[in-house]
Amino acid sequence: GGEAVFHVGPASIAWNNHDFVFQDSNVLPAGRRIEAFVVSTTDGSRVNFPNGFSSSDNVIVQLTAQRSNNRVVIGSWDNVDGGGFTIGLQREDTNGATQQTSPWSVHVTAIGNT
């Protein structure tokens, strides 16, 4: 086997090409964390956070949906709690909007209390 590689930089430590950030370089306040994941879901469905947050206080949800036939799919959320939220999905068509009733890929980034 090879030798372990250890490097110390001004904002991180690298061990065998894996970076570790110093606590004071963390971009989130203490007690907050990020969950980012992809889910296949439909309009009106419940989306659960993979690990969940300790409460529904100050949970921030950001959604980005894949396009459908060159049309934009808009995502929105409602009824957020520490375990997840209800998602709204609709495709913007030339003649209005259509609810996304087929399973659709949505990227979710959520920030909440640990």
C-alpha atoms as a PDB file:
ATOM      1  CA  GLY A   1       0.000   0.000   0.000  1.00  0.00           C
ATOM      2  CA  GLY A   2       0.919   3.639  -0.332  1.00  0.00           C
ATOM      3  CA  GLU A   3       1.748   6.121   2.340  1.00  0.00           C
ATOM      4  CA  ALA A   4      -0.934   8.363   3.845  1.00  0.00           C
ATOM      5  CA  VAL A   5      -0.913  11.892   2.454  1.00  0.00           C
ATOM      6  CA  PHE A   6      -1.651  14.691   4.917  1.00  0.00           C
ATOM      7  CA  HIS A   7      -1.819  18.390   3.938  1.00  0.00           C
ATOM      8  CA  VAL A   8      -2.738  21.428   6.046  1.00  0.00           C
ATOM      9  CA  GLY A   9      -3.961  24.551   4.225  1.00  0.00           C
ATOM     10  CA  PRO A  10      -5.222  27.913   5.490  1.00  0.00           C
ATOM     11  CA  ALA A  11      -8.901  26.842   5.535  1.00  0.00           C
ATOM     12  CA  SER A  12      -8.857  23.030   5.438  1.00  0.00           C
ATOM     13  CA  ILE A  13      -6.992  19.806   6.097  1.00  0.00           C
ATOM     14  CA  ALA A  14      -6.645  17.144   3.394  1.00  0.00           C
ATOM     15  CA  TRP A  15      -6.115  13.479   4.266  1.00  0.00           C
ATOM     16  CA  ASN A  16      -5.614  11.147   1.299  1.00  0.00           C
ATOM     17  CA  ASN A  17      -7.368  13.635  -1.031  1.00  0.00           C
ATOM     18  CA  HIS A  18     -10.386  14.088   1.300  1.00  0.00           C
ATOM     19  CA  ASP A  19     -10.862  17.672   2.459  1.00  0.00           C
ATOM     20  CA  PHE A  20     -12.035  18.566   5.944  1.00  0.00           C
ATOM     21  CA  VAL A  21     -13.062  22.150   6.648  1.00  0.00           C
ATOM     22  CA  PHE A  22     -12.275  23.895   9.918  1.00  0.00           C
ATOM     23  CA  GLN A  23     -15.311  24.553  12.130  1.00  0.00           C
ATOM     24  CA  ASP A  24     -14.849  28.332  11.948  1.00  0.00           C
ATOM     25  CA  SER A  25     -14.949  28.100   8.126  1.00  0.00           C
ATOM     26  CA  ASN A  26     -18.429  26.550   8.191  1.00  0.00           C
ATOM     27  CA  VAL A  27     -20.896  28.771   6.314  1.00  0.00           C
ATOM     28  CA  LEU A  28     -23.861  27.831   8.531  1.00  0.00           C
ATOM     29  CA  PRO A  29     -24.448  28.977  12.090  1.00  0.00           C
ATOM     30  CA  ALA A  30     -24.032  26.378  14.824  1.00  0.00           C
ATOM     31  CA  GLY A  31     -27.063  24.119  15.103  1.00  0.00           C
ATOM     32  CA  ARG A  32     -27.998  24.378  11.381  1.00  0.00           C
ATOM     33  CA  ARG A  33     -27.351  21.898   8.567  1.00  0.00           C
ATOM     34  CA  ILE A  34     -28.105  21.274   4.887  1.00  0.00           C
ATOM     35  CA  GLU A  35     -29.858  18.312   3.274  1.00  0.00           C
ATOM     36  CA  ALA A  36     -29.574  18.127  -0.528  1.00  0.00           C
ATOM     37  CA  PHE A  37     -31.160  15.301  -2.513  1.00  0.00           C
ATOM     38  CA  VAL A  38     -33.065  14.367  -5.686  1.00  0.00           C
ATOM     39  CA  VAL A  39     -36.580  12.970  -5.533  1.00  0.00           C
ATOM     40  CA  SER A  40     -38.965  11.647  -8.188  1.00  0.00           C
ATOM     41  CA  THR A  41     -42.430  12.885  -7.227  1.00  0.00           C
ATOM     42  CA  THR A  42     -45.758  14.290  -8.436  1.00  0.00           C
ATOM     43  CA  ASP A  43     -47.863  17.369  -7.735  1.00  0.00           C
ATOM     44  CA  GLY A  44     -49.466  17.302  -4.275  1.00  0.00           C
ATOM     45  CA  SER A  45     -47.219  14.541  -2.895  1.00  0.00           C
ATOM     46  CA  ARG A  46     -45.428  14.482   0.448  1.00  0.00           C
ATOM     47  CA  VAL A  47     -41.622  14.753   0.136  1.00  0.00           C
ATOM     48  CA  ASN A  48     -39.653  13.557   3.161  1.00  0.00           C
ATOM     49  CA  PHE A  49     -36.212  14.856   4.095  1.00  0.00           C
ATOM     50  CA  PRO A  50     -33.719  11.942   4.145  1.00  0.00           C
ATOM     51  CA  ASN A  51     -32.677  12.624   7.767  1.00  0.00           C
ATOM     52  CA  GLY A  52     -35.136  15.273   8.890  1.00  0.00           C
ATOM     53  CA  PHE A  53     -34.662  18.310  11.105  1.00  0.00           C
ATOM     54  CA  SER A  54     -35.321  18.728  14.818  1.00  0.00           C
ATOM     55  CA  SER A  55     -38.234  21.129  14.244  1.00  0.00           C
ATOM     56  CA  SER A  56     -40.167  23.043  11.608  1.00  0.00           C
ATOM     57  CA  ASP A  57     -38.753  26.354  12.892  1.00  0.00           C
ATOM     58  CA  ASN A  58     -36.914  28.260  10.175  1.00  0.00           C
ATOM     59  CA  VAL A  59     -36.722  25.423   7.602  1.00  0.00           C
ATOM     60  CA  ILE A  60     -35.683  26.829   4.215  1.00  0.00           C
ATOM     61  CA  VAL A  61     -36.630  24.792   1.113  1.00  0.00           C
ATOM     62  CA  GLN A  62     -35.322  25.397  -2.420  1.00  0.00           C
ATOM     63  CA  LEU A  63     -36.598  23.375  -5.392  1.00  0.00           C
ATOM     64  CA  THR A  64     -35.275  22.987  -8.933  1.00  0.00           C
ATOM     65  CA  ALA A  65     -37.266  20.795 -11.326  1.00  0.00           C
ATOM     66  CA  GLN A  66     -36.170  19.157 -14.566  1.00  0.00           C
ATOM     67  CA  ARG A  67     -37.704  20.626 -17.753  1.00  0.00           C
ATOM     68  CA  SER A  68     -40.559  18.767 -19.502  1.00  0.00           C
ATOM     69  CA  ASN A  69     -40.650  18.781 -23.328  1.00  0.00           C
ATOM     70  CA  ASN A  70     -38.752  22.111 -23.379  1.00  0.00           C
ATOM     71  CA  ARG A  71     -41.257  23.602 -20.934  1.00  0.00           C
ATOM     72  CA  VAL A  72     -40.371  24.916 -17.503  1.00  0.00           C
ATOM     73  CA  VAL A  73     -41.621  22.923 -14.510  1.00  0.00           C
ATOM     74  CA  ILE A  74     -42.298  25.121 -11.486  1.00  0.00           C
ATOM     75  CA  GLY A  75     -41.951  23.664  -7.993  1.00  0.00           C
ATOM     76  CA  SER A  76     -43.408  25.076  -4.795  1.00  0.00           C
ATOM     77  CA  TRP A  77     -43.764  23.804  -1.235  1.00  0.00           C
ATOM     78  CA  ASP A  78     -46.358  23.972   1.514  1.00  0.00           C
ATOM     79  CA  ASN A  79     -46.969  22.436   4.958  1.00  0.00           C
ATOM     80  CA  VAL A  80     -43.260  22.177   5.782  1.00  0.00           C
ATOM     81  CA  ASP A  81     -42.277  20.487   9.033  1.00  0.00           C
ATOM     82  CA  GLY A  82     -39.123  18.867  10.406  1.00  0.00           C
ATOM     83  CA  GLY A  83     -39.747  15.688   8.394  1.00  0.00           C
ATOM     84  CA  GLY A  84     -40.641  17.120   4.971  1.00  0.00           C
ATOM     85  CA  PHE A  85     -43.224  19.086   2.994  1.00  0.00           C
ATOM     86  CA  THR A  86     -46.016  18.914   0.413  1.00  0.00           C
ATOM     87  CA  ILE A  87     -44.801  19.693  -3.107  1.00  0.00           C
ATOM     88  CA  GLY A  88     -46.606  21.517  -5.888  1.00  0.00           C
ATOM     89  CA  LEU A  89     -45.433  20.890  -9.471  1.00  0.00           C
ATOM     90  CA  GLN A  90     -46.790  22.392 -12.665  1.00  0.00           C
ATOM     91  CA  ARG A  91     -45.503  22.642 -16.228  1.00  0.00           C
ATOM     92  CA  GLU A  92     -45.774  26.032 -17.910  1.00  0.00           C
ATOM     93  CA  ASP A  93     -47.375  25.544 -21.331  1.00  0.00           C
ATOM     94  CA  THR A  94     -48.042  28.037 -24.127  1.00  0.00           C
ATOM     95  CA  ASN A  95     -51.734  28.039 -23.191  1.00  0.00           C
ATOM     96  CA  GLY A  96     -51.358  28.046 -19.403  1.00  0.00           C
ATOM     97  CA  ALA A  97     -50.113  25.600 -16.808  1.00  0.00           C
ATOM     98  CA  THR A  98     -50.513  21.844 -16.374  1.00  0.00           C
ATOM     99  CA  GLN A  99     -50.162  20.013 -13.056  1.00  0.00           C
ATOM    100  CA  GLN A 100     -47.297  17.519 -13.202  1.00  0.00           C
ATOM    101  CA  THR A 101     -49.100  14.225 -12.545  1.00  0.00           C
ATOM    102  CA  SER A 102     -46.323  11.919 -13.805  1.00  0.00           C
ATOM    103  CA  PRO A 103     -43.328  11.301 -11.518  1.00  0.00           C
ATOM    104  CA  TRP A 104     -40.782  14.057 -12.055  1.00  0.00           C
ATOM    105  CA  SER A 105     -37.176  14.662 -10.923  1.00  0.00           C
ATOM    106  CA  VAL A 106     -36.791  17.523  -8.473  1.00  0.00           C
ATOM    107  CA  HIS A 107     -33.584  18.667  -6.784  1.00  0.00           C
ATOM    108  CA  VAL A 108     -34.241  19.714  -3.186  1.00  0.00           C
ATOM    109  CA  THR A 109     -31.939  21.750  -0.948  1.00  0.00           C
ATOM    110  CA  ALA A 110     -33.177  22.322   2.589  1.00  0.00           C
ATOM    111  CA  ILE A 111     -31.594  24.043   5.577  1.00  0.00           C
ATOM    112  CA  GLY A 112     -32.886  23.443   9.078  1.00  0.00           C
ATOM    113  CA  ASN A 113     -32.045  22.921  12.725  1.00  0.00           C
ATOM    114  CA  THR A 114     -29.961  19.873  13.658  1.00  0.00           C
END
